[in-house]
Protein backbone atom coordinates (compact mmCIF):
# COMPACT_ATOMS: atom_id res chain seq x y z
CA MET A 1 134.09 145.37 16.36
CA ALA A 2 136.87 145.64 18.92
CA LYS A 3 139.35 142.83 18.71
CA THR A 4 141.75 143.76 21.50
CA ILE A 5 141.55 145.41 24.87
CA ASP A 6 143.22 148.50 23.53
CA ASP A 7 140.48 148.92 20.99
CA ILE A 8 137.79 149.20 23.75
CA VAL A 9 136.78 152.81 24.38
CA VAL A 10 135.45 153.66 27.87
CA GLU A 11 132.96 156.48 27.93
CA GLU A 12 133.50 159.08 30.63
CA GLU A 13 131.01 159.06 33.55
CA VAL A 14 128.68 161.98 33.51
CA LYS A 15 128.50 163.59 36.93
CA PHE A 16 125.32 165.51 37.77
CA ASP A 17 125.84 168.66 39.77
CA TYR A 18 122.94 169.17 42.19
CA ASN A 19 124.17 172.65 43.06
CA ASN A 20 122.93 173.88 39.72
CA LEU A 21 119.26 173.38 40.66
CA ASN A 22 118.92 177.02 41.69
CA GLY A 23 118.63 176.23 45.43
CA TYR A 24 115.67 173.81 45.10
CA ASN A 25 114.89 172.07 48.42
CA PRO A 26 111.81 169.77 48.63
CA LEU A 27 111.67 170.21 52.41
CA GLY A 28 111.91 173.94 52.26
CA GLN A 29 108.35 174.55 51.04
CA ASN A 30 105.44 175.08 53.45
CA VAL A 31 103.18 172.10 54.09
CA GLU A 32 99.66 172.64 52.93
CA GLU A 33 97.32 171.34 55.68
CA LYS A 34 93.99 169.93 54.51
CA GLU A 35 90.73 170.17 56.44
CA TYR A 36 90.28 166.43 56.79
CA THR A 37 93.72 166.11 58.45
CA LYS A 38 92.86 168.44 61.33
CA ALA A 39 91.91 166.87 64.68
CA ASN A 40 88.44 167.78 65.86
CA LEU A 41 89.29 168.21 69.57
CA ARG A 42 88.09 170.95 71.85
CA VAL A 43 89.95 171.18 75.15
CA SER A 44 89.36 173.81 77.76
CA GLY A 45 92.34 174.52 79.93
CA ASP A 46 95.46 172.48 80.32
CA LEU A 47 95.34 168.70 80.43
CA PRO A 48 96.58 167.08 83.66
CA PRO A 49 99.72 165.01 83.42
CA ILE A 50 99.18 161.34 82.71
CA SER A 51 100.76 159.09 85.31
CA GLU A 52 102.93 156.27 84.07
CA PRO A 53 101.65 152.73 84.82
CA GLN A 54 103.57 150.61 87.30
CA PHE A 55 103.80 146.85 86.89
CA ALA A 56 104.84 144.48 89.73
CA PRO A 57 105.92 140.90 88.89
CA PRO A 58 103.95 138.11 90.68
CA SER A 59 105.59 136.45 93.69
CA LEU A 60 106.42 132.77 93.96
CA GLU A 61 103.61 132.22 96.46
CA GLU A 62 101.05 133.58 94.01
CA LEU A 63 102.39 131.34 91.26
CA ASP A 64 102.22 128.23 93.52
CA LEU A 65 98.75 129.20 94.73
CA SER A 66 97.45 129.43 91.20
CA GLY A 67 98.84 126.00 90.35
CA GLY A 68 97.37 124.46 93.52
CA GLU A 69 93.95 125.91 92.77
CA GLU A 70 93.97 124.29 89.34
CA GLU A 71 94.82 120.90 90.85
CA GLU A 72 92.14 121.27 93.52
CA GLU A 73 89.56 122.18 90.89
CA VAL A 74 90.41 119.09 88.84
CA GLU A 75 90.20 116.91 91.94
CA ASP A 76 86.91 118.44 93.04
CA GLU A 77 85.36 117.76 89.66
CA VAL A 78 85.85 114.03 90.24
CA PHE A 79 85.60 113.40 93.99
CA GLY A 80 84.90 116.67 95.76
CA LYS A 81 81.98 118.84 96.76
CA GLN A 82 82.00 120.77 93.50
CA ASN A 83 80.63 117.76 91.64
CA ILE A 84 77.91 117.26 94.26
CA ASN A 85 76.93 120.94 94.38
CA ASP A 86 76.49 121.02 90.60
CA LEU A 87 73.85 118.28 90.74
CA PRO A 88 70.12 119.04 90.70
CA PRO A 89 68.45 119.18 94.14
CA LYS A 90 66.88 115.73 93.79
CA GLU A 91 70.14 114.05 92.80
CA LYS A 92 72.00 116.00 95.48
CA GLN A 93 69.62 114.63 98.12
CA GLN A 94 70.08 111.13 96.71
CA ALA A 95 73.86 111.51 96.91
CA ALA A 96 73.59 112.51 100.56
CA GLU A 97 71.38 109.47 101.26
CA GLN A 98 73.92 107.16 99.62
CA LEU A 99 76.73 108.59 101.72
CA VAL A 100 74.74 108.14 104.93
CA GLU A 101 73.89 104.55 103.98
CA LEU A 102 77.56 103.79 103.43
CA VAL A 103 78.55 105.34 106.76
CA LEU A 104 75.93 103.28 108.63
CA GLN A 105 77.10 100.11 106.89
CA GLY A 106 80.67 100.85 107.95
CA TYR A 107 79.54 101.43 111.54
CA SER A 108 77.69 98.11 111.47
CA ALA A 109 80.82 96.40 110.12
CA LEU A 110 82.75 97.62 113.17
CA HIS A 111 80.29 95.73 115.37
CA VAL A 112 80.84 92.58 113.28
CA PHE A 113 84.61 92.81 113.63
CA GLY A 114 84.29 93.36 117.37
CA HIS A 115 82.00 90.34 117.66
CA LYS A 116 84.47 88.09 115.83
CA PHE A 117 87.28 89.31 118.04
CA ALA A 118 85.41 88.81 121.33
CA VAL A 119 83.68 85.45 120.84
CA ILE A 120 85.34 82.06 121.45
CA SER A 121 84.74 79.63 118.63
CA GLU A 122 84.35 75.87 118.95
CA SER A 123 87.55 75.33 117.00
CA ASN A 124 89.49 77.30 119.60
CA LEU A 125 88.09 75.10 122.37
CA LEU A 126 89.04 71.93 120.51
CA GLU A 127 92.50 73.28 119.83
CA LYS A 128 93.08 74.08 123.51
CA GLN A 129 91.84 70.62 124.49
CA ALA A 130 94.17 69.00 121.95
CA LYS A 131 97.10 70.92 123.42
CA GLY A 132 96.16 69.77 126.91
CA GLU A 133 95.37 73.27 128.16
CA ILE A 134 91.73 72.54 129.14
CA ASP A 135 89.36 69.59 129.54
CA LEU A 136 85.91 70.18 128.09
CA ARG A 137 84.44 67.67 130.57
CA MET A 138 85.38 69.90 133.50
CA HIS A 139 82.89 72.12 135.35
CA ILE A 140 83.37 75.76 136.31
CA PRO A 141 81.91 76.81 139.69
CA ILE A 142 79.61 79.81 139.43
CA SER A 143 78.48 79.78 143.05
CA GLU A 144 79.04 77.81 146.23
CA THR A 145 76.48 75.20 145.23
CA GLN A 146 76.31 75.45 141.44
CA SER A 147 78.70 74.76 138.59
CA ILE A 148 78.52 74.84 134.81
CA GLY A 149 80.35 72.95 132.09
CA VAL A 150 83.04 74.61 130.01
CA VAL A 151 81.02 74.32 126.78
CA ASP A 152 77.89 75.78 128.38
CA PHE A 153 79.87 78.63 129.89
CA VAL A 154 81.42 79.53 126.52
CA GLU A 155 78.02 79.42 124.81
CA SER A 156 76.54 81.76 127.43
CA TYR A 157 79.49 84.14 127.06
CA ASN A 158 79.19 84.22 123.25
CA LYS A 159 75.47 84.94 123.53
CA GLU A 160 76.09 87.97 125.75
CA VAL A 161 78.75 89.26 123.35
CA THR A 162 76.32 88.92 120.43
CA GLU A 163 73.60 90.86 122.26
CA THR A 164 76.06 93.60 123.20
CA LEU A 165 77.70 94.03 119.78
CA THR A 166 74.56 94.14 117.65
CA LEU A 167 73.56 97.39 115.93
CA ASP A 168 69.87 98.00 116.50
CA ASP A 169 67.76 98.87 113.46
CA ASP A 170 65.82 101.43 115.52
CA PHE A 171 69.08 103.26 116.23
CA LYS A 172 69.95 103.45 112.52
CA GLU A 173 66.50 104.71 111.57
CA SER A 174 66.61 107.39 114.29
CA VAL A 175 69.97 108.86 113.21
CA ARG A 176 69.53 108.46 109.45
CA PRO A 177 67.34 111.57 108.80
CA VAL A 178 69.63 113.79 110.86
CA MET A 179 72.73 112.55 109.07
CA GLU A 180 71.07 113.10 105.68
CA ARG A 181 70.18 116.70 106.54
CA ILE A 182 73.72 117.41 107.73
CA ALA A 183 75.25 115.87 104.60
CA ALA A 184 72.94 117.85 102.30
CA LYS A 185 73.63 121.10 104.16
CA LYS A 186 77.41 120.61 104.07
CA GLY A 187 77.42 119.49 100.45
CA TYR A 188 78.65 115.98 101.22
CA GLY A 189 77.53 112.99 99.21
CA LEU A 190 78.39 110.15 96.87
CA SER A 191 77.52 110.12 93.21
CA ASP A 192 76.20 106.98 91.58
CA GLU A 193 79.62 106.11 90.17
CA GLN A 194 81.35 106.53 93.52
CA PHE A 195 78.65 104.55 95.33
CA LEU A 196 79.01 101.62 92.92
CA LEU A 197 82.80 101.59 93.25
CA VAL A 198 82.59 101.55 97.04
CA MET A 199 79.94 98.82 97.13
CA PHE A 200 81.87 96.55 94.76
CA GLY A 201 85.06 97.11 96.76
CA LYS A 202 83.26 96.35 100.00
CA ASP A 203 81.78 93.11 98.60
CA ILE A 204 85.19 91.96 97.31
CA ILE A 205 86.85 92.64 100.66
CA GLN A 206 84.12 90.81 102.62
CA LYS A 207 84.30 87.73 100.39
CA ALA A 208 88.09 87.65 100.45
CA ALA A 209 88.08 87.91 104.26
CA GLY A 210 85.45 85.15 104.49
CA VAL A 211 87.49 82.80 102.29
CA ILE A 212 90.63 83.45 104.32
CA SER A 213 88.75 82.83 107.58
CA LEU A 214 87.29 79.55 106.30
CA LYS A 215 90.70 78.43 105.09
CA ASN A 216 92.30 79.16 108.46
CA GLN A 217 89.49 77.34 110.27
CA LEU A 218 89.94 74.31 108.01
CA ASN A 219 93.69 74.25 108.63
CA LYS A 220 93.18 74.43 112.40
CA THR A 221 90.61 71.62 112.30
CA LEU A 222 92.89 69.38 110.26
CA LYS A 223 95.74 70.12 112.64
CA ILE A 224 93.61 69.13 115.64
CA VAL A 225 92.51 65.90 113.92
CA HIS A 226 96.15 65.09 113.13
CA GLU A 227 97.22 65.66 116.73
CA GLN A 228 94.38 63.50 118.05
CA TYR A 229 95.31 60.80 115.54
CA GLN A 230 98.90 60.83 116.76
CA GLN A 231 97.79 60.64 120.40
CA ALA A 232 95.47 57.71 119.64
CA ASN A 233 98.28 55.85 117.86
CA ALA A 234 100.66 56.49 120.74
CA GLN A 235 98.14 55.20 123.29
CA GLN A 236 97.44 52.11 121.14
CA PHE A 237 101.16 51.43 120.84
CA VAL A 238 101.64 51.66 124.61
CA ARG A 239 98.62 49.42 125.17
CA ALA A 240 100.00 46.84 122.72
CA GLU A 241 103.38 46.82 124.47
CA THR A 242 101.67 46.28 127.83
CA VAL A 243 99.69 43.34 126.45
CA ASP A 244 102.81 41.75 124.98
CA ASP A 245 104.66 42.03 128.31
CA THR A 246 101.74 40.45 130.16
CA GLU A 247 101.52 37.54 127.72
CA ALA A 248 105.24 36.95 127.95
CA GLN A 249 105.16 36.79 131.71
CA THR A 250 102.20 34.37 131.59
CA ALA A 251 103.88 32.00 129.14
CA ARG A 252 107.20 31.80 131.10
CA PRO A 253 107.64 28.28 132.83
CA ILE A 254 107.69 28.19 136.63
CA ASN A 255 110.72 26.53 138.22
CA GLN A 256 109.54 23.46 140.23
CA GLU A 257 111.34 22.21 143.37
CA PRO A 258 112.97 18.72 143.08
CA THR A 259 110.95 15.87 144.61
CA THR A 260 112.23 13.09 146.99
CA GLN A 261 112.22 10.44 144.23
CA ASP A 262 114.43 12.56 142.06
CA ALA A 263 116.84 12.92 144.94
């Protein structure tokens, strides 16, 4: 056993000389081609040159158009014609009928709004009388020999407005079939979900508008009553002052002329 470094013996590295292999070269031998490695192709004549493919990158307009189409498709699936066109024929016809019904109801609502705008309510007459603008006891001449009261004239005017701004049921029934055919042909309609949403929204808006109108009418009426109450108190106060002045003048002693005996 070696005890020191000097005692360690290093064996010399054996170098292999490849030049002594008598000129052996593994790549120098001929390759033996097997039958199963041969391609079974029969070509007559020369093959035409294969053209290289050309690729063009998409433009920005094409990229934006593709994104817009996806958004439109998503929107159509919920609210558009695509959802209606996918329905069976019977449900598609029902959707068209629901749309026509909603349109006719909206057209009738326009007549109601016009009627409320044109008529003169009783509260407006009382308010004008309280402000001193008109006197409901006055008469309006309608001819050289005839006259009519203010209240009667307003009632006649409101009646004519009502007759003018009333949607006739015969008119709605005459245009309904034509509108349904047009809606079905164009692919327009409302699904059951959309029809329910619109009807609930319409009912909420009508009730909210009715409550606001009643509240405004109540406030106007209370204001008129308050003004009339103040006028009545003012007139009573003036009347009381007049009575007091008259009583004071009556109770004042009358200066008598001196008689002859007193002189």
